[in-house]
Every structure is written in structure tokens, then in C-alpha cells.
Amino acid sequence: MAQWNPLHDLVSLQDRMNRLFEDASERRAGERVRHSGNRCGVQDVAQSDEVEGADWYPAADVYENDSEYTVSVDLPGIDRAALDISVDDNSLTIRGKRAGQDTTKHRGECPRGNFLRRFSVPASVDQNGIRADYKNGVLQVHLPKRSEQRAQRIEIKVS
């Protein structure tokens, strides 16, 4: 039988509360950006029903270069088959589950259960070209940017 560790429960609760407040403040900031019309890039999105459906939220970084955005999510110990990655309504969703061990736990610092991360996808992303790599416990989702139509100079002769 696993021994109850109140400190683990307290730390887990603090992590979830911190994440909840971060998500709420990011959502408010995102709404301000959306209303101002200056929204660009990939942004983390959380919805109230998701807070109840996820047991934990993996750490993620978002990078951008000239050709693509890259969402990098730390998922050590997660089986590739347990990952569900989808894009729907300009939203990238990464979800899955980390199963528990069938052994006696003496210390538990790695979160278990369902996880979820959702990111907004800007209109500049070519959704047909999205691809993902999973290597050494890090999931990288590559979101290629659409090639921009460059203005061409056309000389018009006046007759």
C-alpha cells in the first residue's frame, strides 16, 4: 500500500493553482490583444472546461523563425501511442495520459493522469503542412508559415 505524502499533495495543488492563474491571466491578455487586432504567433489557450478535464499540464515552449512556429512540449515517459495531436478551428490541441505504475510508490513527483495543452494557431500557418516529431521525451509540433505573395512591380505604359 502506498504511503500518503501530504507534502506531495500540497505541491501538486500549488502547481495546479499556479497554472490556473497563469492561464486566466494569459486568457485576459489574449482577449486584450484580440480586441486590439495585434494578435500574432502561437499562443497558449485554456478553457474553463479543460481545467476540470486535465490532471496536469506539461511544460511547453513556443519558438518562431522565418519559416515556421515550433511548439515544444516536455513529455518524458509518455508513450507515443498515448498522444493525441489535432488542429481544429485554428486551435492546436495536444492531449494524452501518463499511466501510473503498478508498484508501491515511495515518492511521487512526476504527474500522472490526463494532460492537455491547447494553443491558438494564427491564420498565417499552412495547416496542411503541420508535422510533429517525438524524440527523447520532447514533442515538437512544426507549424509552417504560408509563403507570402510578394508585390511585383509592373510598369504601365501610358499611350
N, C-alpha and C. Protein backbone atom coordinates (compact mmCIF):
# COMPACT_ATOMS: atom_id res chain seq x y z
N MET A 1 0.84 -1.18 0.00
CA MET A 1 0.00 0.00 0.00
C MET A 1 0.88 1.24 0.00
N ALA A 2 0.55 2.20 -0.83
CA ALA A 2 1.33 3.43 -0.95
C ALA A 2 1.11 4.31 0.27
N GLN A 3 2.19 4.92 0.74
CA GLN A 3 2.11 5.79 1.89
C GLN A 3 1.68 7.19 1.44
N TRP A 4 0.76 7.79 2.17
CA TRP A 4 0.25 9.11 1.82
C TRP A 4 1.30 10.15 2.16
N ASN A 5 1.52 11.05 1.22
CA ASN A 5 2.50 12.10 1.41
C ASN A 5 1.78 13.45 1.27
N PRO A 6 1.46 14.09 2.39
CA PRO A 6 0.71 15.36 2.31
C PRO A 6 1.49 16.46 1.60
N LEU A 7 2.82 16.43 1.69
CA LEU A 7 3.62 17.45 1.02
C LEU A 7 3.46 17.35 -0.50
N HIS A 8 3.42 16.12 -1.01
CA HIS A 8 3.23 15.92 -2.45
C HIS A 8 1.88 16.49 -2.88
N ASP A 9 0.84 16.23 -2.11
CA ASP A 9 -0.48 16.76 -2.45
C ASP A 9 -0.50 18.28 -2.42
N LEU A 10 0.19 18.87 -1.45
CA LEU A 10 0.23 20.32 -1.34
C LEU A 10 0.99 20.94 -2.52
N VAL A 11 2.12 20.35 -2.89
CA VAL A 11 2.90 20.85 -4.02
C VAL A 11 2.10 20.70 -5.32
N SER A 12 1.43 19.57 -5.48
CA SER A 12 0.61 19.35 -6.66
C SER A 12 -0.52 20.36 -6.74
N LEU A 13 -1.16 20.63 -5.62
CA LEU A 13 -2.24 21.63 -5.59
C LEU A 13 -1.69 23.01 -5.92
N GLN A 14 -0.53 23.36 -5.38
CA GLN A 14 0.07 24.66 -5.67
C GLN A 14 0.40 24.78 -7.16
N ASP A 15 0.94 23.72 -7.76
CA ASP A 15 1.24 23.75 -9.19
C ASP A 15 -0.02 23.96 -10.02
N ARG A 16 -1.08 23.25 -9.67
CA ARG A 16 -2.33 23.39 -10.42
C ARG A 16 -2.92 24.79 -10.26
N MET A 17 -2.84 25.36 -9.05
CA MET A 17 -3.37 26.70 -8.82
C MET A 17 -2.54 27.73 -9.59
N ASN A 18 -1.22 27.58 -9.56
CA ASN A 18 -0.36 28.49 -10.31
C ASN A 18 -0.70 28.44 -11.79
N ARG A 19 -0.89 27.24 -12.33
CA ARG A 19 -1.21 27.08 -13.74
C ARG A 19 -2.57 27.71 -14.06
N LEU A 20 -3.52 27.51 -13.16
CA LEU A 20 -4.86 28.08 -13.34
C LEU A 20 -4.79 29.61 -13.42
N PHE A 21 -4.03 30.23 -12.50
CA PHE A 21 -3.90 31.68 -12.52
C PHE A 21 -3.12 32.16 -13.74
N GLU A 22 -2.09 31.43 -14.14
CA GLU A 22 -1.34 31.79 -15.34
C GLU A 22 -2.25 31.73 -16.57
N ASP A 23 -3.03 30.66 -16.67
CA ASP A 23 -3.93 30.51 -17.82
C ASP A 23 -4.98 31.62 -17.84
N ALA A 24 -5.51 31.96 -16.67
CA ALA A 24 -6.53 33.00 -16.62
C ALA A 24 -5.94 34.35 -17.02
N SER A 25 -4.74 34.66 -16.55
CA SER A 25 -4.14 35.95 -16.91
C SER A 25 -3.75 35.97 -18.39
N GLU A 26 -3.27 34.84 -18.93
CA GLU A 26 -2.95 34.77 -20.35
C GLU A 26 -4.20 34.93 -21.21
N ARG A 27 -5.31 34.33 -20.75
CA ARG A 27 -6.57 34.45 -21.48
C ARG A 27 -7.02 35.91 -21.50
N ARG A 28 -6.91 36.60 -20.36
CA ARG A 28 -7.28 38.01 -20.32
C ARG A 28 -6.38 38.83 -21.22
N ALA A 29 -5.08 38.55 -21.19
CA ALA A 29 -4.15 39.27 -22.06
C ALA A 29 -4.45 38.97 -23.52
N GLY A 30 -4.78 37.71 -23.83
CA GLY A 30 -5.12 37.32 -25.20
C GLY A 30 -6.37 38.02 -25.69
N GLU A 31 -7.35 38.19 -24.79
CA GLU A 31 -8.57 38.89 -25.18
C GLU A 31 -8.26 40.34 -25.48
N ARG A 32 -7.38 40.96 -24.69
CA ARG A 32 -6.99 42.34 -24.95
C ARG A 32 -6.28 42.45 -26.29
N VAL A 33 -5.40 41.50 -26.58
CA VAL A 33 -4.67 41.52 -27.85
C VAL A 33 -5.63 41.29 -28.99
N ARG A 34 -6.56 40.33 -28.83
CA ARG A 34 -7.54 40.05 -29.88
C ARG A 34 -8.37 41.28 -30.19
N HIS A 35 -8.79 42.00 -29.14
CA HIS A 35 -9.63 43.17 -29.36
C HIS A 35 -8.84 44.30 -30.01
N SER A 36 -7.53 44.35 -29.75
CA SER A 36 -6.75 45.43 -30.34
C SER A 36 -6.33 45.12 -31.77
N GLY A 37 -6.49 43.86 -32.19
CA GLY A 37 -6.18 43.49 -33.56
C GLY A 37 -4.71 43.22 -33.81
N ASN A 38 -3.88 43.15 -32.76
CA ASN A 38 -2.45 42.95 -32.93
C ASN A 38 -2.02 41.53 -32.61
N ARG A 39 -2.88 40.60 -32.68
CA ARG A 39 -2.57 39.23 -32.30
C ARG A 39 -1.74 38.56 -33.39
N CYS A 40 -0.63 37.97 -32.99
CA CYS A 40 0.18 37.23 -33.94
C CYS A 40 0.89 36.11 -33.20
N GLY A 41 1.27 35.08 -33.90
CA GLY A 41 2.01 33.99 -33.28
C GLY A 41 1.13 32.97 -32.61
N VAL A 42 1.77 31.92 -32.10
CA VAL A 42 1.09 30.83 -31.43
C VAL A 42 0.97 31.19 -29.95
N GLN A 43 -0.23 31.10 -29.41
CA GLN A 43 -0.46 31.44 -28.01
C GLN A 43 -1.14 30.29 -27.30
N ASP A 44 -0.81 30.16 -26.01
CA ASP A 44 -1.44 29.14 -25.18
C ASP A 44 -2.88 29.54 -24.90
N VAL A 45 -3.78 28.58 -24.98
CA VAL A 45 -5.20 28.83 -24.76
C VAL A 45 -5.70 27.83 -23.73
N ALA A 46 -6.47 28.28 -22.78
CA ALA A 46 -7.09 27.37 -21.81
C ALA A 46 -8.55 27.75 -21.69
N GLN A 47 -9.37 26.74 -21.55
CA GLN A 47 -10.80 26.99 -21.39
C GLN A 47 -11.23 26.38 -20.07
N SER A 48 -12.29 26.92 -19.48
CA SER A 48 -12.68 26.50 -18.13
C SER A 48 -13.01 25.02 -18.06
N ASP A 49 -13.61 24.44 -19.10
CA ASP A 49 -13.94 23.02 -19.04
C ASP A 49 -12.68 22.16 -19.12
N GLU A 50 -11.60 22.69 -19.67
CA GLU A 50 -10.36 21.94 -19.75
C GLU A 50 -9.69 21.81 -18.40
N VAL A 51 -9.87 22.81 -17.54
CA VAL A 51 -9.25 22.77 -16.22
C VAL A 51 -9.75 21.56 -15.46
N GLU A 52 -11.02 21.23 -15.62
CA GLU A 52 -11.58 20.07 -14.94
C GLU A 52 -11.15 18.75 -15.59
N GLY A 53 -10.90 18.76 -16.91
CA GLY A 53 -10.62 17.52 -17.62
C GLY A 53 -9.17 17.10 -17.61
N ALA A 54 -8.25 17.95 -17.18
CA ALA A 54 -6.83 17.61 -17.19
C ALA A 54 -6.32 17.50 -15.76
N ASP A 55 -5.47 16.49 -15.54
CA ASP A 55 -4.87 16.32 -14.23
C ASP A 55 -3.58 17.11 -14.11
N TRP A 56 -2.95 17.39 -15.24
CA TRP A 56 -1.71 18.16 -15.23
C TRP A 56 -1.46 18.77 -16.59
N TYR A 57 -0.54 19.73 -16.64
CA TYR A 57 -0.25 20.47 -17.86
C TYR A 57 1.26 20.43 -18.10
N PRO A 58 1.70 19.76 -19.14
CA PRO A 58 3.15 19.68 -19.40
C PRO A 58 3.72 21.04 -19.79
N ALA A 59 5.00 21.22 -19.46
CA ALA A 59 5.69 22.47 -19.82
C ALA A 59 5.84 22.55 -21.33
N ALA A 60 5.71 23.76 -21.86
CA ALA A 60 5.81 23.96 -23.31
C ALA A 60 6.53 25.26 -23.61
N ASP A 61 7.26 25.26 -24.71
CA ASP A 61 7.91 26.45 -25.25
C ASP A 61 7.42 26.64 -26.67
N VAL A 62 7.32 27.89 -27.10
CA VAL A 62 6.93 28.19 -28.47
C VAL A 62 8.03 29.05 -29.09
N TYR A 63 8.51 28.61 -30.25
CA TYR A 63 9.57 29.31 -30.95
C TYR A 63 9.05 29.75 -32.32
N GLU A 64 9.71 30.77 -32.87
CA GLU A 64 9.36 31.23 -34.21
C GLU A 64 10.63 31.58 -34.96
N ASN A 65 10.67 31.18 -36.23
CA ASN A 65 11.72 31.66 -37.13
C ASN A 65 11.03 32.16 -38.40
N ASP A 66 11.79 32.43 -39.43
CA ASP A 66 11.21 33.00 -40.65
C ASP A 66 10.22 32.07 -41.33
N SER A 67 10.41 30.74 -41.18
CA SER A 67 9.60 29.80 -41.95
C SER A 67 8.53 29.07 -41.15
N GLU A 68 8.64 29.05 -39.80
CA GLU A 68 7.67 28.26 -39.03
C GLU A 68 7.64 28.67 -37.56
N TYR A 69 6.56 28.21 -36.91
CA TYR A 69 6.46 28.23 -35.46
C TYR A 69 6.74 26.81 -35.00
N THR A 70 7.34 26.65 -33.83
CA THR A 70 7.57 25.32 -33.27
C THR A 70 7.07 25.32 -31.83
N VAL A 71 6.18 24.38 -31.53
CA VAL A 71 5.69 24.19 -30.17
C VAL A 71 6.42 22.96 -29.63
N SER A 72 7.18 23.15 -28.55
CA SER A 72 7.98 22.09 -27.96
C SER A 72 7.39 21.77 -26.58
N VAL A 73 6.97 20.51 -26.38
CA VAL A 73 6.30 20.10 -25.15
C VAL A 73 7.10 18.99 -24.49
N ASP A 74 7.42 19.15 -23.21
CA ASP A 74 8.16 18.13 -22.46
C ASP A 74 7.20 17.04 -21.99
N LEU A 75 7.41 15.82 -22.51
CA LEU A 75 6.54 14.70 -22.17
C LEU A 75 7.38 13.44 -21.86
N PRO A 76 8.31 13.52 -20.91
CA PRO A 76 9.13 12.34 -20.62
C PRO A 76 8.29 11.19 -20.09
N GLY A 77 8.61 9.99 -20.57
CA GLY A 77 7.91 8.80 -20.10
C GLY A 77 6.55 8.57 -20.72
N ILE A 78 6.15 9.37 -21.68
CA ILE A 78 4.86 9.21 -22.34
C ILE A 78 5.06 8.38 -23.59
N ASP A 79 4.26 7.34 -23.73
CA ASP A 79 4.31 6.51 -24.93
C ASP A 79 3.73 7.29 -26.11
N ARG A 80 4.37 7.16 -27.26
CA ARG A 80 3.92 7.85 -28.47
C ARG A 80 2.45 7.54 -28.78
N ALA A 81 2.04 6.31 -28.52
CA ALA A 81 0.66 5.91 -28.82
C ALA A 81 -0.35 6.60 -27.89
N ALA A 82 0.12 7.15 -26.78
CA ALA A 82 -0.77 7.81 -25.82
C ALA A 82 -1.02 9.27 -26.18
N LEU A 83 -0.38 9.76 -27.26
CA LEU A 83 -0.52 11.16 -27.66
C LEU A 83 -1.64 11.34 -28.67
N ASP A 84 -2.39 12.40 -28.51
CA ASP A 84 -3.43 12.79 -29.46
C ASP A 84 -3.17 14.25 -29.82
N ILE A 85 -2.79 14.49 -31.08
CA ILE A 85 -2.48 15.83 -31.54
C ILE A 85 -3.44 16.18 -32.66
N SER A 86 -4.10 17.33 -32.54
CA SER A 86 -5.06 17.70 -33.58
C SER A 86 -5.10 19.22 -33.74
N VAL A 87 -5.54 19.64 -34.92
CA VAL A 87 -5.76 21.06 -35.20
C VAL A 87 -7.20 21.19 -35.65
N ASP A 88 -7.94 22.06 -34.96
CA ASP A 88 -9.34 22.26 -35.28
C ASP A 88 -9.72 23.70 -34.94
N ASP A 89 -10.38 24.37 -35.85
CA ASP A 89 -10.81 25.75 -35.62
C ASP A 89 -9.67 26.64 -35.16
N ASN A 90 -8.54 26.56 -35.86
CA ASN A 90 -7.35 27.37 -35.54
C ASN A 90 -6.85 27.17 -34.12
N SER A 91 -6.97 25.93 -33.62
CA SER A 91 -6.51 25.60 -32.29
C SER A 91 -5.74 24.27 -32.34
N LEU A 92 -4.50 24.28 -31.87
CA LEU A 92 -3.69 23.07 -31.77
C LEU A 92 -3.91 22.47 -30.40
N THR A 93 -4.34 21.20 -30.36
CA THR A 93 -4.60 20.53 -29.10
C THR A 93 -3.67 19.33 -28.97
N ILE A 94 -3.00 19.25 -27.82
CA ILE A 94 -2.12 18.13 -27.50
C ILE A 94 -2.64 17.53 -26.21
N ARG A 95 -3.03 16.28 -26.27
CA ARG A 95 -3.56 15.63 -25.07
C ARG A 95 -3.06 14.20 -25.01
N GLY A 96 -3.19 13.62 -23.85
CA GLY A 96 -2.77 12.23 -23.65
C GLY A 96 -2.90 11.85 -22.20
N LYS A 97 -2.21 10.77 -21.86
CA LYS A 97 -2.31 10.26 -20.49
C LYS A 97 -1.00 9.60 -20.10
N ARG A 98 -0.56 9.89 -18.89
CA ARG A 98 0.57 9.18 -18.31
C ARG A 98 0.00 8.23 -17.28
N ALA A 99 0.19 6.94 -17.55
CA ALA A 99 -0.35 5.91 -16.66
C ALA A 99 0.51 5.78 -15.41
N GLY A 100 -0.11 5.32 -14.34
CA GLY A 100 0.60 5.07 -13.09
C GLY A 100 1.27 3.71 -13.10
N GLN A 101 2.17 3.52 -12.18
CA GLN A 101 2.87 2.24 -12.04
C GLN A 101 2.06 1.32 -11.14
N ASP A 102 2.20 0.02 -11.35
CA ASP A 102 1.51 -0.97 -10.52
C ASP A 102 2.39 -1.42 -9.35
N THR A 103 3.24 -0.53 -8.88
CA THR A 103 4.14 -0.86 -7.78
C THR A 103 3.89 0.11 -6.63
N THR A 104 4.49 -0.19 -5.50
CA THR A 104 4.37 0.68 -4.34
C THR A 104 5.16 1.95 -4.57
N LYS A 105 4.52 3.08 -4.41
CA LYS A 105 5.17 4.37 -4.63
C LYS A 105 5.70 4.88 -3.30
N HIS A 106 7.00 5.17 -3.25
CA HIS A 106 7.61 5.74 -2.06
C HIS A 106 7.78 7.24 -2.18
N ARG A 107 7.84 7.69 -3.39
CA ARG A 107 7.94 9.13 -3.66
C ARG A 107 7.33 9.37 -5.03
N GLY A 108 6.52 10.39 -5.17
CA GLY A 108 5.89 10.65 -6.45
C GLY A 108 5.96 12.12 -6.81
N GLU A 109 6.84 12.47 -7.72
CA GLU A 109 6.97 13.86 -8.15
C GLU A 109 6.52 14.05 -9.59
N CYS A 110 6.44 12.97 -10.36
CA CYS A 110 6.02 13.06 -11.75
C CYS A 110 4.50 12.98 -11.81
N PRO A 111 3.87 13.94 -12.47
CA PRO A 111 2.41 13.93 -12.52
C PRO A 111 1.89 12.73 -13.32
N ARG A 112 0.75 12.24 -12.94
CA ARG A 112 0.10 11.11 -13.60
C ARG A 112 -1.31 11.53 -14.01
N GLY A 113 -1.85 10.79 -14.96
CA GLY A 113 -3.22 11.05 -15.39
C GLY A 113 -3.27 11.78 -16.72
N ASN A 114 -4.41 12.37 -17.00
CA ASN A 114 -4.64 13.06 -18.27
C ASN A 114 -3.94 14.41 -18.31
N PHE A 115 -3.38 14.73 -19.47
CA PHE A 115 -2.79 16.04 -19.66
C PHE A 115 -3.38 16.67 -20.91
N LEU A 116 -3.27 18.00 -20.97
CA LEU A 116 -3.84 18.75 -22.08
C LEU A 116 -3.12 20.08 -22.22
N ARG A 117 -2.80 20.43 -23.44
CA ARG A 117 -2.32 21.77 -23.78
C ARG A 117 -3.01 22.17 -25.06
N ARG A 118 -3.42 23.43 -25.12
CA ARG A 118 -4.08 23.94 -26.32
C ARG A 118 -3.45 25.29 -26.67
N PHE A 119 -3.19 25.48 -27.97
CA PHE A 119 -2.55 26.69 -28.46
C PHE A 119 -3.36 27.23 -29.63
N SER A 120 -3.48 28.55 -29.70
CA SER A 120 -4.13 29.16 -30.87
C SER A 120 -3.15 29.12 -32.03
N VAL A 121 -3.68 28.91 -33.22
CA VAL A 121 -2.87 28.84 -34.43
C VAL A 121 -3.22 30.05 -35.30
N PRO A 122 -2.24 30.90 -35.60
CA PRO A 122 -2.54 32.07 -36.42
C PRO A 122 -2.92 31.70 -37.84
N ALA A 123 -3.61 32.60 -38.50
CA ALA A 123 -4.06 32.36 -39.88
C ALA A 123 -2.90 32.22 -40.84
N SER A 124 -1.72 32.70 -40.46
CA SER A 124 -0.56 32.64 -41.35
C SER A 124 0.05 31.23 -41.43
N VAL A 125 -0.48 30.27 -40.67
CA VAL A 125 0.05 28.91 -40.67
C VAL A 125 -0.60 28.08 -41.78
N ASP A 126 0.23 27.34 -42.51
CA ASP A 126 -0.24 26.40 -43.53
C ASP A 126 -0.63 25.11 -42.81
N GLN A 127 -1.92 24.95 -42.50
CA GLN A 127 -2.36 23.81 -41.68
C GLN A 127 -2.13 22.47 -42.35
N ASN A 128 -2.06 22.42 -43.67
CA ASN A 128 -1.81 21.16 -44.36
C ASN A 128 -0.36 20.69 -44.20
N GLY A 129 0.53 21.58 -43.82
CA GLY A 129 1.94 21.23 -43.70
C GLY A 129 2.40 20.97 -42.28
N ILE A 130 1.47 20.96 -41.31
CA ILE A 130 1.85 20.75 -39.91
C ILE A 130 2.37 19.32 -39.74
N ARG A 131 3.49 19.20 -39.02
CA ARG A 131 4.06 17.89 -38.73
C ARG A 131 4.57 17.88 -37.30
N ALA A 132 4.78 16.67 -36.77
CA ALA A 132 5.25 16.55 -35.39
C ALA A 132 6.36 15.51 -35.31
N ASP A 133 7.30 15.76 -34.40
CA ASP A 133 8.38 14.82 -34.09
C ASP A 133 8.34 14.56 -32.60
N TYR A 134 8.60 13.30 -32.21
CA TYR A 134 8.65 12.95 -30.79
C TYR A 134 9.93 12.18 -30.55
N LYS A 135 10.85 12.82 -29.84
CA LYS A 135 12.17 12.22 -29.64
C LYS A 135 12.67 12.56 -28.24
N ASN A 136 13.16 11.55 -27.55
CA ASN A 136 13.74 11.73 -26.21
C ASN A 136 12.79 12.43 -25.24
N GLY A 137 11.51 12.12 -25.34
CA GLY A 137 10.53 12.68 -24.42
C GLY A 137 10.11 14.11 -24.71
N VAL A 138 10.50 14.64 -25.87
CA VAL A 138 10.11 16.00 -26.25
C VAL A 138 9.31 15.94 -27.54
N LEU A 139 8.10 16.45 -27.49
CA LEU A 139 7.25 16.54 -28.67
C LEU A 139 7.46 17.90 -29.30
N GLN A 140 7.76 17.92 -30.58
CA GLN A 140 7.88 19.19 -31.30
C GLN A 140 6.87 19.18 -32.43
N VAL A 141 5.99 20.17 -32.41
CA VAL A 141 4.99 20.33 -33.46
C VAL A 141 5.44 21.53 -34.30
N HIS A 142 5.65 21.28 -35.59
CA HIS A 142 6.13 22.31 -36.51
C HIS A 142 4.94 22.85 -37.31
N LEU A 143 4.75 24.16 -37.22
CA LEU A 143 3.64 24.84 -37.88
C LEU A 143 4.24 25.78 -38.94
N PRO A 144 4.30 25.32 -40.19
CA PRO A 144 4.94 26.14 -41.23
C PRO A 144 4.08 27.35 -41.58
N LYS A 145 4.77 28.45 -41.85
CA LYS A 145 4.08 29.67 -42.26
C LYS A 145 3.78 29.59 -43.74
N ARG A 146 2.67 30.18 -44.13
CA ARG A 146 2.34 30.26 -45.56
C ARG A 146 3.32 31.20 -46.23
N SER A 147 3.65 30.90 -47.47
CA SER A 147 4.52 31.82 -48.20
C SER A 147 3.69 33.04 -48.59
N GLU A 148 4.28 34.17 -48.37
CA GLU A 148 3.56 35.42 -48.65
C GLU A 148 3.67 35.76 -50.13
N GLN A 149 2.62 36.29 -50.64
CA GLN A 149 2.64 36.79 -52.01
C GLN A 149 3.34 38.14 -52.01
N ARG A 150 4.45 38.21 -52.67
CA ARG A 150 5.19 39.47 -52.72
C ARG A 150 4.66 40.33 -53.86
N ALA A 151 4.62 41.60 -53.61
CA ALA A 151 4.15 42.53 -54.63
C ALA A 151 5.17 42.60 -55.77
N GLN A 152 4.67 42.56 -56.96
CA GLN A 152 5.54 42.68 -58.13
C GLN A 152 5.32 44.05 -58.74
N ARG A 153 6.41 44.59 -59.18
CA ARG A 153 6.32 45.89 -59.83
C ARG A 153 6.02 45.67 -61.31
N ILE A 154 4.96 46.26 -61.77
CA ILE A 154 4.55 46.17 -63.17
C ILE A 154 4.57 47.58 -63.74
N GLU A 155 5.30 47.72 -64.79
CA GLU A 155 5.38 49.04 -65.44
C GLU A 155 4.22 49.17 -66.41
N ILE A 156 3.51 50.26 -66.27
CA ILE A 156 2.36 50.51 -67.14
C ILE A 156 2.70 51.68 -68.05
N LYS A 157 2.61 51.43 -69.33
CA LYS A 157 2.90 52.48 -70.31
C LYS A 157 1.65 53.27 -70.59
N VAL A 158 1.85 54.57 -70.64
CA VAL A 158 0.74 55.48 -70.92
C VAL A 158 0.78 55.79 -72.41
N SER A 159 -0.35 55.62 -73.08
CA SER A 159 -0.36 55.89 -74.52
C SER A 159 -1.04 57.20 -74.84
